C-alpha cells in the first residue's frame, strides 16, 4: 500500500512537470492572459461595493460635527426626513467700483476659483449668479455647522474682500440628500 501511494505521487509529479521543450506563448495567448487578468481585477474591484450610510449614521456624524438637524415625518409616505441647517450667502452689489476692466476680470477669475475650492473642500454645495441686473448678484449655500463659519468663508471670497460684492448670510433648512431638479 505504501509503495502504491508513493508510485501514484511520483506519477502525479511527473505528469505535472513543466515540459522544457514547450514553445513560448504567442502574442495572442499573452493578450488573452492579460485580458483574463484584467477581468479578474475588475471583478475584485466590483466586489468592493460602498455601502451607503444609514439614516442614524448620517445623523450621528452631523451631530458630532456640530450641525443642527431635526427629523420630519412625511405625512403621505411616513418616511422620516433628516432636515439639516445650511447657510445661504446672498451676494449683493458692493460699494467699491473703482477696478479697471483688467482688475475686474482678475477678481472674477479669483472669485470663480474660490467658489470651486469651497465646493471641492465640501464647504459649499451650490453657487450661482442671478440672471438680472438687480442688487442681489448671486448665492452660495454653505454646508458648514455654524453661521460664524459660513460668514467667515463668505467674507473670504476675493470679490467680497475687494468690496466688489457685499454678502448677507442666513440660516437655511433643507432635507438632507435632496437633489436639484
C-alpha atoms as a PDB file:
ATOM      1  CA  UNK A   1       0.000   0.000   0.000  1.00  0.00           C
ATOM      2  CA  UNK A   2       2.832   2.397   0.901  1.00  0.00           C
ATOM      3  CA  UNK A   3       4.507   1.718  -2.423  1.00  0.00           C
ATOM      4  CA  UNK A   4       1.362   2.254  -4.470  1.00  0.00           C
ATOM      5  CA  UNK A   5       0.782   5.682  -2.835  1.00  0.00           C
ATOM      6  CA  UNK A   6       4.401   6.592  -3.492  1.00  0.00           C
ATOM      7  CA  UNK A   7       4.150   5.491  -7.146  1.00  0.00           C
ATOM      8  CA  UNK A   8       0.925   7.499  -7.631  1.00  0.00           C
ATOM      9  CA  UNK A   9       2.541  10.592  -6.077  1.00  0.00           C
ATOM     10  CA  UNK A  10       5.570  10.253  -8.376  1.00  0.00           C
ATOM     11  CA  UNK A  11       3.324   9.830 -11.438  1.00  0.00           C
ATOM     12  CA  UNK A  12       1.361  12.949 -10.485  1.00  0.00           C
ATOM     13  CA  UNK A  13       4.559  14.957 -10.051  1.00  0.00           C
ATOM     14  CA  UNK A  14       5.977  13.750 -13.360  1.00  0.00           C
ATOM     15  CA  UNK A  15       2.761  14.481 -15.235  1.00  0.00           C
ATOM     16  CA  UNK A  16       2.580  18.000 -13.727  1.00  0.00           C
ATOM     17  CA  UNK A  17       6.230  18.734 -14.502  1.00  0.00           C
ATOM     18  CA  UNK A  18       6.619  21.554 -16.968  1.00  0.00           C
ATOM     19  CA  UNK A  19       7.812  20.431 -20.373  1.00  0.00           C
ATOM     20  CA  UNK A  20      11.164  22.056 -21.058  1.00  0.00           C
ATOM     21  CA  UNK A  21      10.508  21.806 -24.801  1.00  0.00           C
ATOM     22  CA  UNK A  22       7.394  23.994 -24.545  1.00  0.00           C
ATOM     23  CA  UNK A  23       7.143  26.804 -27.030  1.00  0.00           C
ATOM     24  CA  UNK A  24       6.848  30.397 -25.821  1.00  0.00           C
ATOM     25  CA  UNK A  25       3.384  31.905 -25.720  1.00  0.00           C
ATOM     26  CA  UNK A  26       2.228  33.723 -28.802  1.00  0.00           C
ATOM     27  CA  UNK A  27       1.219  37.406 -28.594  1.00  0.00           C
ATOM     28  CA  UNK A  28      -2.411  36.337 -28.894  1.00  0.00           C
ATOM     29  CA  UNK A  29      -2.073  33.939 -25.950  1.00  0.00           C
ATOM     30  CA  UNK A  30      -0.283  36.615 -23.892  1.00  0.00           C
ATOM     31  CA  UNK A  31      -3.033  39.131 -24.708  1.00  0.00           C
ATOM     32  CA  UNK A  32      -5.691  36.598 -23.693  1.00  0.00           C
ATOM     33  CA  UNK A  33      -3.987  36.041 -20.352  1.00  0.00           C
ATOM     34  CA  UNK A  34      -3.695  39.809 -19.844  1.00  0.00           C
ATOM     35  CA  UNK A  35      -7.386  40.270 -20.630  1.00  0.00           C
ATOM     36  CA  UNK A  36      -8.289  37.481 -18.222  1.00  0.00           C
ATOM     37  CA  UNK A  37      -6.178  39.125 -15.512  1.00  0.00           C
ATOM     38  CA  UNK A  38      -7.917  42.475 -16.146  1.00  0.00           C
ATOM     39  CA  UNK A  39     -11.317  40.769 -15.978  1.00  0.00           C
ATOM     40  CA  UNK A  40     -10.381  39.183 -12.650  1.00  0.00           C
ATOM     41  CA  UNK A  41      -9.164  42.577 -11.347  1.00  0.00           C
ATOM     42  CA  UNK A  42     -12.412  44.253 -12.406  1.00  0.00           C
ATOM     43  CA  UNK A  43     -14.406  41.577 -10.588  1.00  0.00           C
ATOM     44  CA  UNK A  44     -12.275  42.132  -7.489  1.00  0.00           C
ATOM     45  CA  UNK A  45     -12.829  45.905  -7.804  1.00  0.00           C
ATOM     46  CA  UNK A  46     -16.557  45.483  -8.370  1.00  0.00           C
ATOM     47  CA  UNK A  47     -16.722  43.316  -5.262  1.00  0.00           C
ATOM     48  CA  UNK A  48     -15.688  46.337  -3.167  1.00  0.00           C
ATOM     49  CA  UNK A  49     -19.083  47.992  -3.015  1.00  0.00           C
ATOM     50  CA  UNK A  50     -19.509  51.101  -0.925  1.00  0.00           C
ATOM     51  CA  UNK A  51     -22.470  50.549   1.360  1.00  0.00           C
ATOM     52  CA  UNK A  52     -24.473  53.751   1.876  1.00  0.00           C
ATOM     53  CA  UNK A  53     -24.600  55.092   5.400  1.00  0.00           C
ATOM     54  CA  UNK A  54     -27.779  54.613   7.354  1.00  0.00           C
ATOM     55  CA  UNK A  55     -30.003  57.493   8.423  1.00  0.00           C
ATOM     56  CA  UNK A  56     -28.810  57.113  12.034  1.00  0.00           C
ATOM     57  CA  UNK A  57     -25.127  57.061  10.978  1.00  0.00           C
ATOM     58  CA  UNK A  58     -25.552  60.260   8.943  1.00  0.00           C
ATOM     59  CA  UNK A  59     -27.422  61.974  11.773  1.00  0.00           C
ATOM     60  CA  UNK A  60     -24.807  60.911  14.344  1.00  0.00           C
ATOM     61  CA  UNK A  61     -21.956  62.204  12.154  1.00  0.00           C
ATOM     62  CA  UNK A  62     -23.679  65.548  11.582  1.00  0.00           C
ATOM     63  CA  UNK A  63     -24.421  65.936  15.300  1.00  0.00           C
ATOM     64  CA  UNK A  64     -20.817  65.082  16.206  1.00  0.00           C
ATOM     65  CA  UNK A  65     -19.613  67.757  13.748  1.00  0.00           C
ATOM     66  CA  UNK A  66     -21.869  70.395  15.323  1.00  0.00           C
ATOM     67  CA  UNK A  67     -24.599  70.598  12.655  1.00  0.00           C
ATOM     68  CA  UNK A  68     -28.170  71.360  13.682  1.00  0.00           C
ATOM     69  CA  UNK A  69     -30.725  68.844  12.436  1.00  0.00           C
ATOM     70  CA  UNK A  70     -34.227  67.644  13.139  1.00  0.00           C
ATOM     71  CA  UNK A  71     -36.483  64.826  11.979  1.00  0.00           C
ATOM     72  CA  UNK A  72     -39.541  65.447   9.847  1.00  0.00           C
ATOM     73  CA  UNK A  73     -42.094  62.717   9.152  1.00  0.00           C
ATOM     74  CA  UNK A  74     -43.726  62.983   5.737  1.00  0.00           C
ATOM     75  CA  UNK A  75     -47.463  62.576   6.356  1.00  0.00           C
ATOM     76  CA  UNK A  76     -48.091  60.931   2.976  1.00  0.00           C
ATOM     77  CA  UNK A  77     -45.212  58.438   2.802  1.00  0.00           C
ATOM     78  CA  UNK A  78     -44.488  58.141   6.546  1.00  0.00           C
ATOM     79  CA  UNK A  79     -40.791  58.463   5.662  1.00  0.00           C
ATOM     80  CA  UNK A  80     -38.573  60.240   8.159  1.00  0.00           C
ATOM     81  CA  UNK A  81     -36.563  63.025   6.551  1.00  0.00           C
ATOM     82  CA  UNK A  82     -33.392  64.394   8.088  1.00  0.00           C
ATOM     83  CA  UNK A  83     -33.591  68.174   7.923  1.00  0.00           C
ATOM     84  CA  UNK A  84     -30.238  69.960   8.170  1.00  0.00           C
ATOM     85  CA  UNK A  85     -29.375  73.597   8.684  1.00  0.00           C
ATOM     86  CA  UNK A  86     -27.274  75.080   5.895  1.00  0.00           C
ATOM     87  CA  UNK A  87     -26.336  78.730   5.387  1.00  0.00           C
ATOM     88  CA  UNK A  88     -27.291  80.765   2.355  1.00  0.00           C
ATOM     89  CA  UNK A  89     -24.930  83.587   1.457  1.00  0.00           C
ATOM     90  CA  UNK A  90     -26.654  86.222  -0.627  1.00  0.00           C
ATOM     91  CA  UNK A  91     -24.153  88.193  -2.665  1.00  0.00           C
ATOM     92  CA  UNK A  92     -25.137  91.786  -3.423  1.00  0.00           C
ATOM     93  CA  UNK A  93     -23.503  94.535  -5.433  1.00  0.00           C
ATOM     94  CA  UNK A  94     -20.735  96.141  -3.397  1.00  0.00           C
ATOM     95  CA  UNK A  95     -19.795  99.768  -2.958  1.00  0.00           C
ATOM     96  CA  UNK A  96     -16.306  99.623  -4.480  1.00  0.00           C
ATOM     97  CA  UNK A  97     -16.420 100.005  -8.267  1.00  0.00           C
ATOM     98  CA  UNK A  98     -13.008 101.519  -8.946  1.00  0.00           C
ATOM     99  CA  UNK A  99     -11.434  98.464 -10.601  1.00  0.00           C
ATOM    100  CA  UNK A 100     -10.473  98.787 -14.232  1.00  0.00           C
ATOM    101  CA  UNK A 101     -11.548  96.101 -16.714  1.00  0.00           C
ATOM    102  CA  UNK A 102      -8.400  94.021 -16.230  1.00  0.00           C
ATOM    103  CA  UNK A 103      -8.650  94.130 -12.409  1.00  0.00           C
ATOM    104  CA  UNK A 104     -12.371  93.260 -12.567  1.00  0.00           C
ATOM    105  CA  UNK A 105     -11.621  90.227 -14.763  1.00  0.00           C
ATOM    106  CA  UNK A 106      -8.849  89.109 -12.392  1.00  0.00           C
ATOM    107  CA  UNK A 107     -11.232  89.423  -9.427  1.00  0.00           C
ATOM    108  CA  UNK A 108     -13.911  87.459 -11.311  1.00  0.00           C
ATOM    109  CA  UNK A 109     -11.402  84.662 -12.050  1.00  0.00           C
ATOM    110  CA  UNK A 110     -10.323  84.582  -8.386  1.00  0.00           C
ATOM    111  CA  UNK A 111     -13.991  84.561  -7.321  1.00  0.00           C
ATOM    112  CA  UNK A 112     -14.768  81.516  -9.503  1.00  0.00           C
ATOM    113  CA  UNK A 113     -11.612  79.722  -8.318  1.00  0.00           C
ATOM    114  CA  UNK A 114     -12.555  80.411  -4.691  1.00  0.00           C
ATOM    115  CA  UNK A 115     -16.110  79.095  -5.139  1.00  0.00           C
ATOM    116  CA  UNK A 116     -14.737  75.997  -6.875  1.00  0.00           C
ATOM    117  CA  UNK A 117     -12.326  75.437  -3.976  1.00  0.00           C
ATOM    118  CA  UNK A 118     -15.201  75.769  -1.470  1.00  0.00           C
ATOM    119  CA  UNK A 119     -17.137  73.140  -3.432  1.00  0.00           C
ATOM    120  CA  UNK A 120     -14.149  70.770  -3.669  1.00  0.00           C
ATOM    121  CA  UNK A 121     -13.479  71.074   0.080  1.00  0.00           C
ATOM    122  CA  UNK A 122     -17.128  70.291   0.833  1.00  0.00           C
ATOM    123  CA  UNK A 123     -17.919  73.696   2.360  1.00  0.00           C
ATOM    124  CA  UNK A 124     -20.278  74.865  -0.400  1.00  0.00           C
ATOM    125  CA  UNK A 125     -22.906  72.743  -2.090  1.00  0.00           C
ATOM    126  CA  UNK A 126     -24.068  75.119  -4.794  1.00  0.00           C
ATOM    127  CA  UNK A 127     -23.260  78.594  -6.094  1.00  0.00           C
ATOM    128  CA  UNK A 128     -24.762  80.643  -8.852  1.00  0.00           C
ATOM    129  CA  UNK A 129     -25.408  84.122 -10.171  1.00  0.00           C
ATOM    130  CA  UNK A 130     -28.797  85.734 -10.673  1.00  0.00           C
ATOM    131  CA  UNK A 131     -29.661  86.484 -14.276  1.00  0.00           C
ATOM    132  CA  UNK A 132     -30.853  90.053 -13.854  1.00  0.00           C
ATOM    133  CA  UNK A 133     -29.132  93.307 -13.015  1.00  0.00           C
ATOM    134  CA  UNK A 134     -30.754  93.671  -9.583  1.00  0.00           C
ATOM    135  CA  UNK A 135     -28.964  94.380  -6.312  1.00  0.00           C
ATOM    136  CA  UNK A 136     -28.756  90.666  -5.489  1.00  0.00           C
ATOM    137  CA  UNK A 137     -25.986  89.192  -7.654  1.00  0.00           C
ATOM    138  CA  UNK A 138     -25.923  85.507  -6.604  1.00  0.00           C
ATOM    139  CA  UNK A 139     -25.991  82.905  -3.842  1.00  0.00           C
ATOM    140  CA  UNK A 140     -23.797  80.259  -2.305  1.00  0.00           C
ATOM    141  CA  UNK A 141     -25.175  77.587   0.002  1.00  0.00           C
ATOM    142  CA  UNK A 142     -22.616  76.662   2.643  1.00  0.00           C
ATOM    143  CA  UNK A 143     -22.670  73.199   4.211  1.00  0.00           C
ATOM    144  CA  UNK A 144     -20.954  74.086   7.499  1.00  0.00           C
ATOM    145  CA  UNK A 145     -22.055  73.694  11.127  1.00  0.00           C
ATOM    146  CA  UNK A 146     -22.176  77.346  12.222  1.00  0.00           C
ATOM    147  CA  UNK A 147     -23.177  80.736  10.902  1.00  0.00           C
ATOM    148  CA  UNK A 148     -19.865  82.131  12.114  1.00  0.00           C
ATOM    149  CA  UNK A 149     -18.014  79.699   9.856  1.00  0.00           C
ATOM    150  CA  UNK A 150     -20.313  80.467   6.892  1.00  0.00           C
ATOM    151  CA  UNK A 151     -19.805  84.227   7.451  1.00  0.00           C
ATOM    152  CA  UNK A 152     -16.054  83.746   7.554  1.00  0.00           C
ATOM    153  CA  UNK A 153     -15.985  81.682   4.352  1.00  0.00           C
ATOM    154  CA  UNK A 154     -18.325  84.064   2.509  1.00  0.00           C
ATOM    155  CA  UNK A 155     -16.272  87.108   3.534  1.00  0.00           C
ATOM    156  CA  UNK A 156     -13.040  85.422   2.366  1.00  0.00           C
ATOM    157  CA  UNK A 157     -14.331  85.436  -1.232  1.00  0.00           C
ATOM    158  CA  UNK A 158     -11.986  87.727  -3.226  1.00  0.00           C
ATOM    159  CA  UNK A 159     -14.930  89.700  -4.690  1.00  0.00           C
ATOM    160  CA  UNK A 160     -16.281  90.371  -1.182  1.00  0.00           C
ATOM    161  CA  UNK A 161     -12.836  91.235   0.197  1.00  0.00           C
ATOM    162  CA  UNK A 162     -12.339  93.754  -2.620  1.00  0.00           C
ATOM    163  CA  UNK A 163     -15.695  95.434  -1.964  1.00  0.00           C
ATOM    164  CA  UNK A 164     -16.992  94.499  -5.425  1.00  0.00           C
ATOM    165  CA  UNK A 165     -19.654  92.392  -3.651  1.00  0.00           C
ATOM    166  CA  UNK A 166     -21.258  92.511  -0.196  1.00  0.00           C
ATOM    167  CA  UNK A 167     -22.689  89.432   1.493  1.00  0.00           C
ATOM    168  CA  UNK A 168     -25.514  88.579   3.897  1.00  0.00           C
ATOM    169  CA  UNK A 169     -25.609  85.072   5.384  1.00  0.00           C
ATOM    170  CA  UNK A 170     -28.834  83.470   6.604  1.00  0.00           C
ATOM    171  CA  UNK A 171     -29.651  80.054   8.119  1.00  0.00           C
ATOM    172  CA  UNK A 172     -31.470  77.865   5.605  1.00  0.00           C
ATOM    173  CA  UNK A 173     -33.070  74.464   6.264  1.00  0.00           C
ATOM    174  CA  UNK A 174     -33.393  71.638   3.739  1.00  0.00           C
ATOM    175  CA  UNK A 175     -33.872  67.875   3.719  1.00  0.00           C
ATOM    176  CA  UNK A 176     -30.556  66.051   3.627  1.00  0.00           C
ATOM    177  CA  UNK A 177     -29.780  64.414   0.318  1.00  0.00           C
ATOM    178  CA  UNK A 178     -32.350  66.133  -1.911  1.00  0.00           C
ATOM    179  CA  UNK A 179     -31.143  66.933  -5.422  1.00  0.00           C
ATOM    180  CA  UNK A 180     -31.995  69.815  -7.690  1.00  0.00           C
ATOM    181  CA  UNK A 181     -34.471  69.023 -10.437  1.00  0.00           C
END
